[in-house]
Protein backbone atom coordinates (compact mmCIF):
# COMPACT_ATOMS: atom_id res chain seq x y z
CA UNK A 1 -5.95 -28.14 -37.54
CA UNK A 2 -3.23 -25.71 -36.48
CA UNK A 3 -0.74 -26.97 -33.97
CA UNK A 4 -0.26 -25.21 -30.64
CA UNK A 5 3.02 -23.41 -30.12
CA UNK A 6 5.24 -23.67 -27.06
CA UNK A 7 6.77 -20.52 -25.57
CA UNK A 8 8.55 -19.62 -22.34
CA UNK A 9 7.70 -16.55 -20.27
CA UNK A 10 9.54 -15.12 -17.24
CA UNK A 11 7.14 -15.09 -14.29
CA UNK A 12 8.98 -12.10 -12.77
CA UNK A 13 9.10 -9.59 -15.63
CA UNK A 14 7.11 -11.15 -18.51
CA UNK A 15 10.09 -11.59 -20.87
CA UNK A 16 9.31 -14.12 -23.62
CA UNK A 17 11.68 -16.63 -25.16
CA UNK A 18 11.44 -19.39 -27.78
CA UNK A 19 13.41 -21.79 -25.53
CA UNK A 20 13.97 -22.29 -21.83
CA UNK A 21 16.67 -20.07 -20.27
CA UNK A 22 18.11 -20.48 -16.81
CA UNK A 23 18.71 -16.77 -16.18
CA UNK A 24 16.34 -14.12 -17.47
CA UNK A 25 18.27 -11.63 -19.65
CA UNK A 26 15.86 -8.82 -18.73
CA UNK A 27 15.52 -8.96 -14.93
CA UNK A 28 18.44 -11.27 -14.07
CA UNK A 29 16.36 -13.75 -12.02
CA UNK A 30 17.14 -17.46 -12.12
CA UNK A 31 14.70 -20.30 -12.93
CA UNK A 32 11.75 -18.02 -13.58
CA UNK A 33 10.92 -19.11 -17.14
CA UNK A 34 7.68 -21.09 -17.31
CA UNK A 35 6.44 -23.10 -20.25
CA UNK A 36 3.17 -21.93 -21.77
CA UNK A 37 1.08 -23.26 -24.62
CA UNK A 38 0.05 -20.59 -27.10
CA UNK A 39 -3.24 -21.24 -28.88
CA UNK A 40 -3.25 -20.68 -32.69
CA UNK A 41 -4.51 -17.34 -33.94
CA UNK A 42 -7.36 -18.93 -35.86
CA UNK A 43 -8.70 -20.52 -32.69
CA UNK A 44 -9.77 -17.16 -31.42
CA UNK A 45 -6.93 -15.54 -29.57
CA UNK A 46 -8.73 -12.25 -29.99
CA UNK A 47 -11.99 -13.51 -28.48
CA UNK A 48 -11.65 -11.59 -25.22
CA UNK A 49 -10.06 -8.64 -27.00
CA UNK A 50 -12.89 -8.39 -29.52
CA UNK A 51 -15.44 -8.65 -26.72
CA UNK A 52 -13.76 -5.81 -24.87
CA UNK A 53 -13.61 -3.62 -27.96
CA UNK A 54 -17.23 -4.36 -28.86
CA UNK A 55 -18.24 -3.33 -25.36
CA UNK A 56 -16.49 -0.02 -25.89
CA UNK A 57 -18.24 0.52 -29.23
CA UNK A 58 -21.57 -0.45 -27.65
CA UNK A 59 -21.16 2.41 -25.19
CA UNK A 60 -20.57 4.90 -27.98
CA UNK A 61 -16.79 4.98 -28.12
CA UNK A 62 -15.43 6.72 -31.22
CA UNK A 63 -13.28 5.00 -33.80
CA UNK A 64 -9.64 5.30 -32.86
CA UNK A 65 -7.62 7.69 -35.03
CA UNK A 66 -4.41 9.70 -34.55
CA UNK A 67 -4.93 13.09 -32.91
CA UNK A 68 -2.77 16.18 -32.87
CA UNK A 69 -1.75 17.32 -29.43
CA UNK A 70 -3.78 20.53 -29.75
CA UNK A 71 -6.93 18.50 -30.54
CA UNK A 72 -6.76 16.59 -27.25
CA UNK A 73 -8.81 18.09 -24.46
CA UNK A 74 -6.82 18.96 -21.35
CA UNK A 75 -9.92 19.17 -19.15
CA UNK A 76 -9.74 16.87 -16.15
CA UNK A 77 -12.61 14.43 -15.80
CA UNK A 78 -14.33 14.47 -12.43
CA UNK A 79 -13.11 11.66 -10.23
CA UNK A 80 -15.48 9.13 -8.72
CA UNK A 81 -15.90 9.61 -4.99
CA UNK A 82 -15.36 6.27 -3.22
CA UNK A 83 -17.00 7.58 0.01
CA UNK A 84 -13.83 6.55 1.84
CA UNK A 85 -11.44 9.34 2.84
CA UNK A 86 -8.44 7.02 3.23
CA UNK A 87 -8.97 5.30 -0.14
CA UNK A 88 -9.62 8.60 -1.92
CA UNK A 89 -6.36 9.99 -0.51
CA UNK A 90 -4.30 7.00 -1.67
CA UNK A 91 -5.91 7.08 -5.14
CA UNK A 92 -5.06 10.77 -5.46
CA UNK A 93 -8.52 12.25 -4.94
CA UNK A 94 -10.85 9.49 -6.13
CA UNK A 95 -11.20 6.87 -8.86
CA UNK A 96 -10.41 8.10 -12.37
CA UNK A 97 -12.99 7.07 -15.03
CA UNK A 98 -11.54 4.53 -17.45
CA UNK A 99 -8.69 3.60 -15.14
CA UNK A 100 -7.69 0.13 -13.98
CA UNK A 101 -6.57 -0.32 -10.35
CA UNK A 102 -4.78 -3.34 -8.89
CA UNK A 103 -5.27 -3.99 -5.15
CA UNK A 104 -2.80 -6.52 -3.73
CA UNK A 105 -2.24 -8.01 -0.31
CA UNK A 106 -1.58 -11.15 1.67
CA UNK A 107 -4.34 -13.75 2.17
CA UNK A 108 -6.76 -12.76 4.93
CA UNK A 109 -5.51 -9.18 5.20
CA UNK A 110 -8.92 -7.73 4.22
CA UNK A 111 -8.77 -6.97 0.46
CA UNK A 112 -12.24 -8.29 -0.31
CA UNK A 113 -13.69 -6.74 2.85
CA UNK A 114 -12.28 -3.31 1.96
CA UNK A 115 -13.57 -3.51 -1.61
CA UNK A 116 -17.02 -4.81 -0.68
CA UNK A 117 -17.66 -2.27 2.07
CA UNK A 118 -16.49 0.47 -0.28
CA UNK A 119 -18.92 -0.46 -3.06
CA UNK A 120 -21.75 -0.84 -0.51
CA UNK A 121 -21.30 2.85 0.38
CA UNK A 122 -21.69 3.99 -3.22
CA UNK A 123 -25.48 4.12 -3.43
CA UNK A 124 -25.34 6.48 -6.40
CA UNK A 125 -23.31 4.11 -8.62
CA UNK A 126 -24.23 0.85 -10.33
CA UNK A 127 -21.47 -1.65 -9.60
CA UNK A 128 -20.78 -5.17 -10.84
CA UNK A 129 -18.83 -7.24 -8.31
CA UNK A 130 -17.36 -10.34 -9.97
CA UNK A 131 -16.17 -13.02 -7.54
CA UNK A 132 -14.24 -16.08 -8.63
CA UNK A 133 -13.35 -17.22 -5.12
CA UNK A 134 -16.58 -16.96 -3.08
CA UNK A 135 -20.15 -18.05 -3.68
CA UNK A 136 -23.04 -15.61 -3.81
CA UNK A 137 -24.25 -16.88 -0.43
CA UNK A 138 -20.87 -16.14 1.20
CA UNK A 139 -20.84 -12.63 -0.26
CA UNK A 140 -24.42 -12.06 0.97
CA UNK A 141 -23.46 -13.01 4.53
CA UNK A 142 -20.41 -10.74 4.48
CA UNK A 143 -22.38 -7.85 2.98
CA UNK A 144 -25.07 -8.12 5.66
CA UNK A 145 -22.42 -8.19 8.39
CA UNK A 146 -20.76 -4.97 7.27
CA UNK A 147 -23.83 -3.25 5.77
CA UNK A 148 -24.62 -1.13 8.84
CA UNK A 149 -21.23 -1.10 10.53
CA UNK A 150 -19.75 2.28 11.53
CA UNK A 151 -17.56 2.07 8.42
CA UNK A 152 -20.57 1.86 6.09
CA UNK A 153 -22.65 4.91 6.95
CA UNK A 154 -25.93 5.80 5.35
CA UNK A 155 -27.27 2.30 4.73
CA UNK A 156 -30.93 2.24 3.95
CA UNK A 157 -33.83 0.24 5.40
CA UNK A 158 -32.09 -0.45 8.67
CA UNK A 159 -29.27 -2.50 7.25
CA UNK A 160 -30.61 -3.65 3.88
CA UNK A 161 -27.92 -4.13 1.27
CA UNK A 162 -28.09 -1.68 -1.61
CA UNK A 163 -29.50 -3.06 -4.88
CA UNK A 164 -27.07 -1.02 -6.96
CA UNK A 165 -24.33 -3.58 -6.21
CA UNK A 166 -24.77 -6.58 -8.54
CA UNK A 167 -23.00 -9.84 -7.68
CA UNK A 168 -21.67 -12.23 -10.33
CA UNK A 169 -19.90 -15.48 -9.45
CA UNK A 170 -18.13 -16.52 -12.65
CA UNK A 171 -14.58 -17.09 -13.86
CA UNK A 172 -15.02 -16.90 -17.64
CA UNK A 173 -13.91 -13.59 -19.10
CA UNK A 174 -16.26 -13.92 -22.08
CA UNK A 175 -19.27 -14.49 -19.80
CA UNK A 176 -18.21 -11.51 -17.66
CA UNK A 177 -18.23 -9.23 -20.69
CA UNK A 178 -21.70 -10.51 -21.68
CA UNK A 179 -23.04 -9.70 -18.21
CA UNK A 180 -21.36 -6.28 -18.29
CA UNK A 181 -23.23 -5.56 -21.51
CA UNK A 182 -26.53 -6.52 -19.85
CA UNK A 183 -25.97 -4.81 -16.49
CA UNK A 184 -24.17 -1.71 -17.84
CA UNK A 185 -22.33 -0.93 -14.58
CA UNK A 186 -20.37 2.21 -13.77
CA UNK A 187 -17.62 0.31 -11.91
CA UNK A 188 -16.43 -3.29 -12.35
CA UNK A 189 -14.67 -5.21 -9.54
CA UNK A 190 -12.78 -8.46 -10.26
CA UNK A 191 -12.01 -10.63 -7.21
CA UNK A 192 -9.51 -11.95 -8.06
CA UNK A 193 -7.64 -11.65 -11.37
CA UNK A 194 -5.86 -14.98 -10.73
CA UNK A 195 -9.18 -16.87 -10.93
CA UNK A 196 -10.33 -15.41 -14.27
CA UNK A 197 -9.63 -17.28 -17.51
CA UNK A 198 -10.31 -16.76 -21.20
CA UNK A 199 -11.07 -19.38 -23.85
CA UNK A 200 -8.49 -17.87 -26.20
CA UNK A 201 -5.62 -19.25 -24.10
CA UNK A 202 -5.15 -22.97 -23.51
CA UNK A 203 -3.83 -22.93 -19.94
CA UNK A 204 -5.17 -23.10 -16.40
CA UNK A 205 -6.46 -20.02 -14.52
CA UNK A 206 -3.73 -18.20 -12.63
CA UNK A 207 -0.99 -19.07 -15.10
CA UNK A 208 1.26 -16.38 -16.52
CA UNK A 209 -0.49 -16.36 -19.89
CA UNK A 210 -4.03 -16.30 -18.47
CA UNK A 211 -3.30 -13.46 -16.06
CA UNK A 212 -1.60 -11.42 -18.76
CA UNK A 213 -4.30 -11.95 -21.41
CA UNK A 214 -7.21 -11.32 -19.03
CA UNK A 215 -5.60 -8.16 -17.64
CA UNK A 216 -4.90 -6.88 -21.16
CA UNK A 217 -8.51 -7.51 -22.24
CA UNK A 218 -9.84 -5.74 -19.14
CA UNK A 219 -7.47 -2.82 -19.84
CA UNK A 220 -8.81 -2.47 -23.38
CA UNK A 221 -12.35 -2.62 -22.05
CA UNK A 222 -11.68 0.08 -19.43
CA UNK A 223 -9.98 2.46 -21.87
CA UNK A 224 -12.53 2.02 -24.66
CA UNK A 225 -15.66 2.19 -22.48
CA UNK A 226 -14.56 4.64 -19.76
CA UNK A 227 -15.67 2.22 -17.02
CA UNK A 228 -13.07 1.91 -14.23
CA UNK A 229 -12.01 -1.63 -13.28
CA UNK A 230 -10.69 -2.67 -9.85
CA UNK A 231 -8.63 -5.86 -9.82
CA UNK A 232 -7.82 -7.77 -6.63
CA UNK A 233 -4.54 -9.68 -6.80
CA UNK A 234 -2.73 -12.23 -4.68
CA UNK A 235 0.68 -11.95 -3.04
CA UNK A 236 3.27 -14.71 -3.47
CA UNK A 237 5.66 -15.98 -0.82
CA UNK A 238 8.27 -13.34 -1.77
CA UNK A 239 5.78 -10.61 -0.85
CA UNK A 240 5.25 -9.37 -4.41
CA UNK A 241 2.11 -9.45 -6.56
CA UNK A 242 1.51 -12.88 -8.02
CA UNK A 243 1.58 -13.30 -11.79
CA UNK A 244 3.93 -11.74 -14.32
CA UNK A 245 5.58 -8.42 -13.57
CA UNK A 246 3.94 -7.09 -16.71
CA UNK A 247 0.65 -7.08 -14.76
CA UNK A 248 1.90 -4.12 -12.74
CA UNK A 249 2.92 -2.33 -15.96
CA UNK A 250 -0.53 -2.82 -17.51
CA UNK A 251 -2.58 -1.22 -14.74
CA UNK A 252 -2.74 2.49 -13.94
CA UNK A 253 -2.54 2.22 -10.14
CA UNK A 254 -1.05 -0.44 -7.85
CA UNK A 255 -2.21 -0.36 -4.22
CA UNK A 256 -0.76 -2.56 -1.49
CA UNK A 257 -2.85 -3.52 1.53
CA UNK A 258 -0.41 -4.42 4.31
CA UNK A 259 -0.36 -5.22 7.97
CA UNK A 260 0.31 -7.94 10.46
CA UNK A 261 -2.68 -10.22 11.06
CA UNK A 262 -1.80 -10.20 14.76
CA UNK A 263 -2.39 -6.44 14.85
CA UNK A 264 -5.69 -4.71 14.18
CA UNK A 265 -4.17 -1.97 12.02
CA UNK A 266 -3.99 -2.17 8.22
CA UNK A 267 -1.93 0.10 5.99
CA UNK A 268 -3.02 1.08 2.48
CA UNK A 269 -0.22 2.52 0.37
CA UNK A 270 0.24 3.20 -3.34
CA UNK A 271 3.32 1.83 -5.11
CA UNK A 272 2.33 3.12 -8.56
CA UNK A 273 -0.14 5.84 -9.48
CA UNK A 274 -0.41 7.51 -12.87
CA UNK A 275 -2.96 9.99 -11.53
CA UNK A 276 -1.52 10.95 -8.15
CA UNK A 277 1.27 10.67 -5.62
CA UNK A 278 2.75 7.36 -4.49
CA UNK A 279 3.69 8.69 -1.05
CA UNK A 280 0.18 8.77 0.42
CA UNK A 281 -0.86 6.44 3.23
CA UNK A 282 -4.22 5.20 4.50
CA UNK A 283 -4.73 3.54 7.89
CA UNK A 284 -7.61 1.24 8.84
CA UNK A 285 -8.57 -0.65 11.96
CA UNK A 286 -9.87 -4.19 11.49
CA UNK A 287 -12.93 -5.12 13.55
CA UNK A 288 -15.55 -7.84 13.62
CA UNK A 289 -17.83 -5.73 11.41
CA UNK A 290 -15.28 -4.64 8.81
CA UNK A 291 -12.59 -2.01 8.42
CA UNK A 292 -12.83 1.37 10.14
CA UNK A 293 -10.98 4.45 8.93
CA UNK A 294 -8.45 5.83 11.39
CA UNK A 295 -8.69 9.61 11.14
CA UNK A 296 -6.03 10.33 13.81
CA UNK A 297 -3.53 7.44 13.86
CA UNK A 298 -1.20 9.17 16.33
CA UNK A 299 -3.53 8.60 19.29
CA UNK A 300 -3.84 4.89 18.48
CA UNK A 301 -0.17 4.25 17.73
CA UNK A 302 1.08 5.61 21.05
CA UNK A 303 0.99 3.45 24.17
CA UNK A 304 -1.19 5.02 26.84
CA UNK A 305 1.29 4.62 29.68
CA UNK A 306 5.02 4.06 29.23
CA UNK A 307 6.34 6.19 32.08
CA UNK A 308 9.43 4.66 33.64
CA UNK A 309 9.98 2.23 30.75
CA UNK A 310 13.37 2.41 29.08
CA UNK A 311 13.99 1.87 25.37
CA UNK A 312 10.97 3.89 24.16
CA UNK A 313 11.21 7.10 22.12
CA UNK A 314 8.49 9.03 20.27
CA UNK A 315 9.15 10.33 16.77
CA UNK A 316 7.14 12.81 14.70
CA UNK A 317 7.03 11.13 11.28
CA UNK A 318 5.55 12.07 7.92
CA UNK A 319 4.09 9.65 5.36
CA UNK A 320 3.02 11.49 2.23
CA UNK A 321 1.52 14.72 3.54
CA UNK A 322 0.23 13.17 6.73
CA UNK A 323 2.00 13.65 10.07
CA UNK A 324 1.68 11.18 12.92
CA UNK A 325 3.61 10.26 16.03
CA UNK A 326 5.25 6.84 16.14
CA UNK A 327 6.51 4.91 19.13
CA UNK A 328 9.99 3.42 18.60
CA UNK A 329 10.92 0.52 20.86
CA UNK A 330 14.45 -0.82 21.34
CA UNK A 331 16.01 -3.57 23.43
CA UNK A 332 19.76 -3.85 23.98
CA UNK A 333 21.16 -6.88 25.82
CA UNK A 334 24.42 -8.77 26.08
CA UNK A 335 25.03 -11.14 23.18
CA UNK A 336 24.40 -14.72 24.18
CA UNK A 337 26.46 -16.03 21.26
CA UNK A 338 29.64 -14.95 19.56
CA UNK A 339 27.97 -12.86 16.86
CA UNK A 340 25.57 -10.17 18.15
CA UNK A 341 22.12 -10.06 16.62
CA UNK A 342 20.65 -7.08 14.80
CA UNK A 343 16.89 -7.26 14.22
CA UNK A 344 14.47 -4.56 13.03
CA UNK A 345 10.70 -4.80 12.59
CA UNK A 346 9.08 -2.00 10.60
CA UNK A 347 12.41 -0.27 9.98
CA UNK A 348 15.22 -0.75 7.45
CA UNK A 349 17.78 -3.06 9.07
CA UNK A 350 20.67 -1.70 7.00
CA UNK A 351 19.90 1.79 8.24
CA UNK A 352 19.76 0.45 11.80
CA UNK A 353 23.28 -0.97 11.36
CA UNK A 354 24.46 2.42 10.08
CA UNK A 355 22.93 4.25 13.05
CA UNK A 356 24.55 1.82 15.49
CA UNK A 357 27.92 2.47 13.84
CA UNK A 358 27.37 6.25 14.20
CA UNK A 359 26.40 5.78 17.86
CA UNK A 360 29.57 3.82 18.51
CA UNK A 361 32.01 5.90 16.47
CA UNK A 362 30.74 9.45 17.04
CA UNK A 363 29.16 9.21 20.51
CA UNK A 364 31.42 6.59 22.05
CA UNK A 365 28.97 3.91 23.21
CA UNK A 366 30.31 0.38 22.67
CA UNK A 367 27.64 -1.87 21.20
CA UNK A 368 29.83 -4.42 19.42
CA UNK A 369 29.01 -7.20 21.91
CA UNK A 370 25.34 -6.28 22.36
CA UNK A 371 22.19 -7.67 20.75
CA UNK A 372 19.98 -4.87 19.41
CA UNK A 373 16.29 -5.38 18.64
CA UNK A 374 14.18 -2.58 17.18
CA UNK A 375 10.42 -2.47 16.74
CA UNK A 376 8.00 0.15 15.39
CA UNK A 377 4.87 -0.14 17.54
CA UNK A 378 1.53 -0.93 15.93
CA UNK A 379 2.91 -3.08 13.12
CA UNK A 380 3.80 -0.06 10.96
CA UNK A 381 6.56 0.04 8.38
CA UNK A 382 8.02 3.56 8.35
CA UNK A 383 10.47 4.89 5.76
CA UNK A 384 10.76 8.49 6.96
CA UNK A 385 14.42 9.48 7.54
CA UNK A 386 13.33 11.65 10.48
CA UNK A 387 13.00 8.43 12.50
CA UNK A 388 16.81 8.25 12.87
CA UNK A 389 16.96 10.42 15.99
CA UNK A 390 14.29 8.42 17.82
CA UNK A 391 15.99 5.13 16.91
CA UNK A 392 19.29 6.29 18.42
CA UNK A 393 17.52 7.67 21.50
CA UNK A 394 15.59 4.42 22.06
CA UNK A 395 18.73 2.28 21.65
CA UNK A 396 20.71 4.42 24.09
CA UNK A 397 17.79 4.51 26.55
CA UNK A 398 17.68 0.71 26.61
CA UNK A 399 21.47 0.42 26.79
CA UNK A 400 21.75 2.57 29.93
CA UNK A 401 18.32 1.42 31.22
CA UNK A 402 17.11 4.98 31.68
CA UNK A 403 13.65 6.08 30.57
CA UNK A 404 13.08 9.19 28.49
CA UNK A 405 10.91 11.72 30.30
CA UNK A 406 7.26 11.89 29.31
CA UNK A 407 6.33 14.73 26.98
CA UNK A 408 9.44 14.52 24.78
CA UNK A 409 9.39 13.69 21.07
CA UNK A 410 11.89 14.24 18.27
CA UNK A 411 12.48 14.32 14.52
CA UNK A 412 15.76 14.44 12.63
CA UNK A 413 17.90 12.60 10.11
CA UNK A 414 21.32 11.47 11.34
CA UNK A 415 24.35 11.68 9.04
CA UNK A 416 27.49 9.55 9.07
CA UNK A 417 29.48 12.24 10.85
CA UNK A 418 26.95 12.38 13.69
CA UNK A 419 25.25 15.60 12.57
CA UNK A 420 21.46 15.99 12.75
CA UNK A 421 20.30 16.87 9.24
CA UNK A 422 17.15 18.91 8.46
CA UNK A 423 13.87 17.24 7.52
CA UNK A 424 10.82 18.41 5.56
CA UNK A 425 7.38 19.64 6.70
CA UNK A 426 8.73 20.78 10.05
CA UNK A 427 5.71 22.90 11.04
CA UNK A 428 3.33 19.96 10.52
CA UNK A 429 5.47 17.81 12.78
CA UNK A 430 5.48 20.46 15.50
CA UNK A 431 1.71 21.00 15.26
CA UNK A 432 0.99 17.26 15.52
CA UNK A 433 3.16 16.92 18.63
CA UNK A 434 1.57 19.97 20.21
CA UNK A 435 -1.94 18.71 19.45
CA UNK A 436 -1.26 15.46 21.33
CA UNK A 437 0.00 17.26 24.42
CA UNK A 438 3.79 16.93 24.11
CA UNK A 439 5.79 19.61 25.90
CA UNK A 440 9.24 19.32 24.22
CA UNK A 441 10.34 18.45 20.70
CA UNK A 442 13.95 18.02 19.51
CA UNK A 443 14.52 19.27 15.97
CA UNK A 444 17.49 19.97 13.66
CA UNK A 445 18.81 23.49 14.19
CA UNK A 446 18.84 24.27 10.47
CA UNK A 447 15.10 23.61 10.24
CA UNK A 448 14.24 26.50 12.57
CA UNK A 449 15.34 29.28 10.23
CA UNK A 450 12.29 31.39 9.39
CA UNK A 451 9.99 29.61 11.86
CA UNK A 452 8.22 31.76 14.45
CA UNK A 453 8.48 29.81 17.69
CA UNK A 454 6.03 32.04 19.55
CA UNK A 455 3.04 30.64 17.68
CA UNK A 456 3.69 27.17 19.14
CA UNK A 457 2.98 26.27 22.76
CA UNK A 458 5.52 23.45 22.70
CA UNK A 459 9.17 24.04 23.65
CA UNK A 460 11.46 23.51 20.66
CA UNK A 461 14.98 22.19 21.38
CA UNK A 462 17.34 22.77 18.41
CA UNK A 463 20.36 20.46 18.01
CA UNK A 464 23.24 20.19 15.55
CA UNK A 465 24.78 16.89 16.62
CA UNK A 466 23.61 13.62 18.10
CA UNK A 467 25.52 14.38 21.32
CA UNK A 468 23.44 17.52 21.89
CA UNK A 469 20.17 15.59 21.48
CA UNK A 470 21.29 12.85 23.89
CA UNK A 471 22.48 15.47 26.40
CA UNK A 472 19.06 17.15 26.28
CA UNK A 473 17.31 13.83 26.86
CA UNK A 474 19.55 12.25 29.52
CA UNK A 475 21.44 15.22 30.95
């Protein structure tokens, strides 16, 4: 009988070592090497792999051979419509056949709800939903609750759940492949990858080795059979996807489902996409009957009435190709302790410190002994540089306790010398502000070259420096 081998794998990047190492030589993290027990080759390490390859051959996949570049077809395969505009946008136009997608998020954020209500819409596709965390009865109750919600349109029989969605509650990878061969689905969903295990690895489900081997077998199955696979993954306490970092390298697309559980908004963003852009953003609203797509997030992200309230500025931001207006809130108060506090929610705190330094050095407002708190309303996390101007305006509005007049919004990046730098997609920002009834918008002067102002019904205020913007707002 062959003896099992002991190896050490970095849980952060997947680096292997024959002995334990304190610091990973690949990613530089400390105390991340975990001991794993490697089963002998004769015991069937290739069990899951052979099952995946046999599935591909069963569906008529050709024998793999080297191909010249001119022999490879450049024709794009039609993408699978997910019947969800937000999800299709984040995926780059739909689900690519033969791809493997990893959906990650914090516990309770709505990963399983989003996936289940999506597959319930797809009446024209046969789907196998594999759950390792919930029983079939729990999934039935959830499916009936969201079957005829506004987010799942077109349900048949007055709320009956579609029979094209097959439910399997199992955690064995070999049994999953056997059921796939019997059901012959067009899409496979695994909820979650941390609960799946294979007999070829002698370790508990969720370990580094199990996650890596199961994901690799599912990748081989997806590529050889052309059936797309959607994996649901957990998030660890550091906020990254649980399991080895190599899991993110294996899959084609990594999607993060974010949001504060105290807010009803959820953000779907792509951090890796081999078939589309990673700058797209999808917004959902969580309700008692599932997730609802937010077609116009600007109307929901803006407070209905903030007249006379200081420390509030509206910015015209862009995420991907989508414009929306964001409410920036700031609070400036005298420091209660010796060291003033700097806190930012939904915004980069280091950039906030830089903007405060610009406001003090270039504009002349002393904030060294003041606490500054910044918040992006709605629980959003915005990375657009055009938010700089609204952050400075909100901080100054709170500092002097003077409200910004209603109907004003702004967009502009602020440089270290106090200049307002140009931003991209300026016409989309103007059109979004005009559509929501704003009367004035402050923009960088260099952005207005070649733009016909007469076609907009909103007054455009061009500025070159931060002082000019603040003078236009506060007089």
